[in-house]
Amino acid sequence: MHSLSTKKHGPDQPDIVGPTPKSQRSKMVKSTEDGEKKNLNKRLKDVEISVPIVYGNIAFWLGKKASEYQSHKWTVYVRSPTNEDLGVVIKRAVFQLHSSFNNPTRVVESPPFELSEAGWGEFEIAITLYFQSDVCDKLLNLYHHLKLYPEDESGPMSAKKPVVVESYDEIVFSEPSEGFFARVQNHPAVIVPRLPAGFSLPPPGMFLSCVFYRFAL
């Protein structure tokens, strides 16, 4: 089923120029192979934890300071739609830039998970997310096409009006570990269900093995 919903930006967000982002759900579930291995951390059956994210870029034309190879300053990012700290779930983010950049593989070890650069060309950026040890031992790969120029190229460019292109996604963790649930149950960046009254959770334990599936909302 194709998605018809889009991420809406609050009043504090800059004007958006570019295609409408798509909404997706990225689902983490236990793999058959990993399920055969002994897992010392008890999992919560029939429970899903959802982590909304937004990933994309914002680009500013340099105006009079622009040169042939340095026409824009831009930032690519992965963040919470409400700007909450995603470090509770994400351990690091790796941004793979075009090979023409010095050190094209950029590793961001802590939030905010973003990277700023300058250039003139548009290209696809691969983003790899690594999760905290009690969340998941698999990686999540995202892909974003860096956008520097507005869709309407007939009009004049403005140094004050940025180009912003981003996508909304939800990472869904099925059968999370009790430790993961206990650690994030009150965190504003994470959507967790309510457990039955009287159900107690132990301290955080070992990680949960999982695989990644994506499907459109």
Protein backbone atom coordinates (compact mmCIF):
# COMPACT_ATOMS: atom_id res chain seq x y z
CA MET A 1 0.00 0.00 0.00
CA HIS A 2 1.48 3.31 -1.05
CA SER A 3 1.77 6.15 1.40
CA LEU A 4 -0.37 9.25 1.07
CA SER A 5 0.89 10.99 4.22
CA THR A 6 3.77 13.44 4.44
CA LYS A 7 5.87 15.00 7.17
CA LYS A 8 4.61 18.47 8.08
CA HIS A 9 7.07 21.11 9.23
CA GLY A 10 6.47 23.34 12.22
CA PRO A 11 6.60 27.11 12.14
CA ASP A 12 10.24 27.12 13.15
CA GLN A 13 11.27 25.20 10.06
CA PRO A 14 12.56 27.04 6.94
CA ASP A 15 10.55 27.12 3.74
CA ILE A 16 10.77 23.86 1.85
CA VAL A 17 11.72 23.76 -1.80
CA GLY A 18 11.69 20.35 -3.43
CA PRO A 19 9.63 17.19 -3.86
CA THR A 20 7.16 16.03 -1.24
CA PRO A 21 8.83 13.55 1.15
CA LYS A 22 7.50 10.02 1.50
CA SER A 23 6.47 8.37 4.74
CA GLN A 24 7.83 4.90 5.43
CA ARG A 25 8.18 2.40 8.24
CA SER A 26 11.46 0.58 8.72
CA LYS A 27 10.76 -2.57 10.69
CA MET A 28 13.29 -4.41 12.83
CA VAL A 29 12.25 -8.00 13.54
CA LYS A 30 13.96 -11.08 14.93
CA SER A 31 15.71 -13.16 12.26
CA THR A 32 15.27 -16.93 11.98
CA GLU A 33 19.00 -17.61 12.06
CA ASP A 34 19.64 -15.40 15.04
CA GLY A 35 16.61 -16.89 16.79
CA GLU A 36 18.39 -20.23 16.88
CA LYS A 37 21.13 -18.71 18.97
CA LYS A 38 20.79 -18.44 22.70
CA ASN A 39 19.58 -14.98 23.67
CA LEU A 40 20.09 -14.19 27.32
CA ASN A 41 17.91 -11.10 27.20
CA LYS A 42 14.18 -11.76 27.48
CA ARG A 43 12.06 -10.22 24.74
CA LEU A 44 8.59 -8.75 25.01
CA LYS A 45 6.25 -10.75 22.80
CA ASP A 46 3.69 -8.90 20.65
CA VAL A 47 5.29 -5.53 21.49
CA GLU A 48 6.63 -2.95 19.04
CA ILE A 49 8.69 0.14 19.75
CA SER A 50 8.57 2.88 17.11
CA VAL A 51 11.20 5.58 16.60
CA PRO A 52 10.18 8.37 14.17
CA ILE A 53 13.04 9.96 12.24
CA VAL A 54 13.53 12.59 9.56
CA TYR A 55 16.52 12.50 7.22
CA GLY A 56 17.48 14.89 4.45
CA ASN A 57 19.40 18.08 3.80
CA ILE A 58 19.24 21.86 3.99
CA ALA A 59 21.29 23.91 1.50
CA PHE A 60 22.12 27.62 1.32
CA TRP A 61 23.32 29.38 -1.83
CA LEU A 62 26.40 31.49 -1.03
CA GLY A 63 25.29 34.40 -3.21
CA LYS A 64 28.11 36.83 -3.95
CA LYS A 65 30.54 34.55 -2.10
CA ALA A 66 29.75 31.63 -4.44
CA SER A 67 32.50 30.30 -6.67
CA GLU A 68 32.56 27.70 -9.42
CA TYR A 69 33.23 24.83 -7.01
CA GLN A 70 31.85 26.33 -3.79
CA SER A 71 28.36 27.56 -4.63
CA HIS A 72 26.45 26.17 -1.63
CA LYS A 73 26.81 25.31 2.03
CA TRP A 74 24.74 22.31 3.03
CA THR A 75 24.00 20.00 5.95
CA VAL A 76 22.77 16.42 5.71
CA TYR A 77 21.14 14.99 8.82
CA VAL A 78 19.16 12.31 10.63
CA ARG A 79 17.05 13.69 13.45
CA SER A 80 13.85 13.34 15.42
CA PRO A 81 10.85 15.15 13.88
CA THR A 82 10.51 16.99 17.21
CA ASN A 83 14.29 17.52 17.60
CA GLU A 84 14.55 15.10 20.51
CA ASP A 85 17.84 13.33 21.27
CA LEU A 86 18.11 10.16 19.13
CA GLY A 87 21.26 9.06 20.96
CA VAL A 88 19.06 6.92 23.20
CA VAL A 89 18.58 4.58 20.21
CA ILE A 90 21.26 5.45 17.63
CA LYS A 91 24.91 4.91 18.53
CA ARG A 92 26.52 6.44 15.42
CA ALA A 93 25.76 7.55 11.89
CA VAL A 94 28.07 7.11 8.89
CA PHE A 95 27.62 9.41 5.89
CA GLN A 96 29.11 8.27 2.59
CA LEU A 97 29.80 11.30 0.40
CA HIS A 98 30.85 11.54 -3.24
CA SER A 99 34.36 10.24 -3.90
CA SER A 100 35.53 13.73 -4.91
CA PHE A 101 35.41 14.84 -1.26
CA ASN A 102 38.40 14.45 1.03
CA ASN A 103 37.72 11.57 3.41
CA PRO A 104 34.30 10.79 1.86
CA THR A 105 33.31 8.39 4.66
CA ARG A 106 32.29 10.60 7.60
CA VAL A 107 31.49 9.06 11.00
CA VAL A 108 29.39 10.96 13.55
CA GLU A 109 29.66 9.29 16.95
CA SER A 110 27.07 11.29 18.89
CA PRO A 111 24.00 13.46 18.33
CA PRO A 112 23.22 15.63 16.52
CA PHE A 113 23.72 13.15 13.67
CA GLU A 114 24.52 15.63 10.94
CA LEU A 115 27.32 16.67 8.62
CA SER A 116 28.03 20.06 7.01
CA GLU A 117 30.02 20.67 3.84
CA ALA A 118 30.31 23.02 0.87
CA GLY A 119 30.24 22.31 -2.86
CA TRP A 120 28.38 22.75 -6.12
CA GLY A 121 27.09 19.31 -7.17
CA GLU A 122 24.15 17.10 -6.21
CA PHE A 123 24.67 13.38 -5.52
CA GLU A 124 23.29 10.46 -3.52
CA ILE A 125 24.43 10.14 0.09
CA ALA A 126 24.32 6.75 1.80
CA ILE A 127 23.57 6.95 5.53
CA THR A 128 24.25 3.95 7.79
CA LEU A 129 22.80 3.92 11.29
CA TYR A 130 24.32 1.86 14.11
CA PHE A 131 22.12 1.21 17.14
CA GLN A 132 22.88 1.00 20.86
CA SER A 133 23.89 -2.50 22.02
CA ASP A 134 20.60 -3.26 23.80
CA VAL A 135 18.54 -2.04 20.82
CA CYS A 136 19.72 -4.02 17.81
CA ASP A 137 22.89 -5.55 16.38
CA LYS A 138 21.92 -4.91 12.74
CA LEU A 139 22.55 -1.81 10.65
CA LEU A 140 20.02 0.37 8.88
CA ASN A 141 20.94 1.86 5.49
CA LEU A 142 19.22 5.01 4.25
CA TYR A 143 19.76 6.86 0.98
CA HIS A 144 19.23 10.56 0.34
CA HIS A 145 19.80 12.55 -2.84
CA LEU A 146 21.49 15.81 -1.90
CA LYS A 147 19.45 18.73 -3.26
CA LEU A 148 21.06 22.15 -3.69
CA TYR A 149 18.95 23.88 -6.31
CA PRO A 150 15.22 24.71 -6.22
CA GLU A 151 12.82 22.80 -8.47
CA ASP A 152 11.87 26.02 -10.25
CA GLU A 153 15.19 26.90 -11.83
CA SER A 154 13.69 29.70 -13.90
CA GLY A 155 13.52 32.12 -10.98
CA PRO A 156 16.46 33.82 -9.29
CA MET A 157 18.23 32.00 -6.45
CA SER A 158 18.08 33.52 -2.98
CA ALA A 159 20.81 33.38 -0.36
CA LYS A 160 18.15 33.82 2.35
CA LYS A 161 15.74 31.08 1.32
CA PRO A 162 17.27 27.60 1.76
CA VAL A 163 16.42 24.46 -0.16
CA VAL A 164 15.19 21.75 2.22
CA VAL A 165 14.42 18.19 1.13
CA GLU A 166 13.73 15.45 3.66
CA SER A 167 11.88 12.18 4.20
CA TYR A 168 9.93 10.94 7.20
CA ASP A 169 10.48 7.37 8.38
CA GLU A 170 9.63 5.21 11.37
CA ILE A 171 11.99 2.52 12.63
CA VAL A 172 9.93 -0.24 14.24
CA PHE A 173 11.56 -2.71 16.65
CA SER A 174 9.50 -5.88 17.10
CA GLU A 175 9.81 -7.95 20.28
CA PRO A 176 12.25 -5.52 21.95
CA SER A 177 14.38 -6.56 24.88
CA GLU A 178 13.04 -5.75 28.31
CA GLY A 179 16.13 -3.67 29.00
CA PHE A 180 15.61 -1.55 25.89
CA PHE A 181 11.93 -1.05 26.75
CA ALA A 182 12.71 -0.03 30.32
CA ARG A 183 15.37 2.44 29.21
CA VAL A 184 13.25 4.32 26.64
CA GLN A 185 9.69 3.95 27.95
CA ASN A 186 9.57 7.61 29.04
CA HIS A 187 11.76 9.10 26.31
CA PRO A 188 9.98 11.70 24.12
CA ALA A 189 11.71 10.54 20.90
CA VAL A 190 10.38 6.98 21.23
CA ILE A 191 6.84 5.63 20.90
CA VAL A 192 6.29 2.72 23.30
CA PRO A 193 3.09 0.85 24.19
CA ARG A 194 1.76 0.49 27.70
CA LEU A 195 2.44 -2.75 29.52
CA PRO A 196 -0.17 -4.49 31.69
CA ALA A 197 -0.56 -3.12 35.21
CA GLY A 198 1.81 -4.72 37.67
CA PHE A 199 4.27 -5.86 35.00
CA SER A 200 7.82 -5.11 36.17
CA LEU A 201 10.86 -4.73 33.95
CA PRO A 202 14.43 -5.74 34.85
CA PRO A 203 17.48 -3.51 34.26
CA PRO A 204 18.78 -3.25 30.68
CA GLY A 205 20.41 -6.44 29.43
CA MET A 206 22.09 -7.72 26.31
CA PHE A 207 21.21 -6.76 22.75
CA LEU A 208 18.42 -8.11 20.57
CA SER A 209 19.20 -9.79 17.27
CA CYS A 210 17.05 -8.53 14.44
CA VAL A 211 16.74 -7.96 10.72
CA PHE A 212 15.44 -4.97 8.78
CA TYR A 213 12.32 -4.76 6.64
CA ARG A 214 10.83 -1.68 4.95
CA PHE A 215 7.30 -1.21 3.75
CA ALA A 216 5.29 1.83 2.69
CA LEU A 217 2.50 3.07 4.93
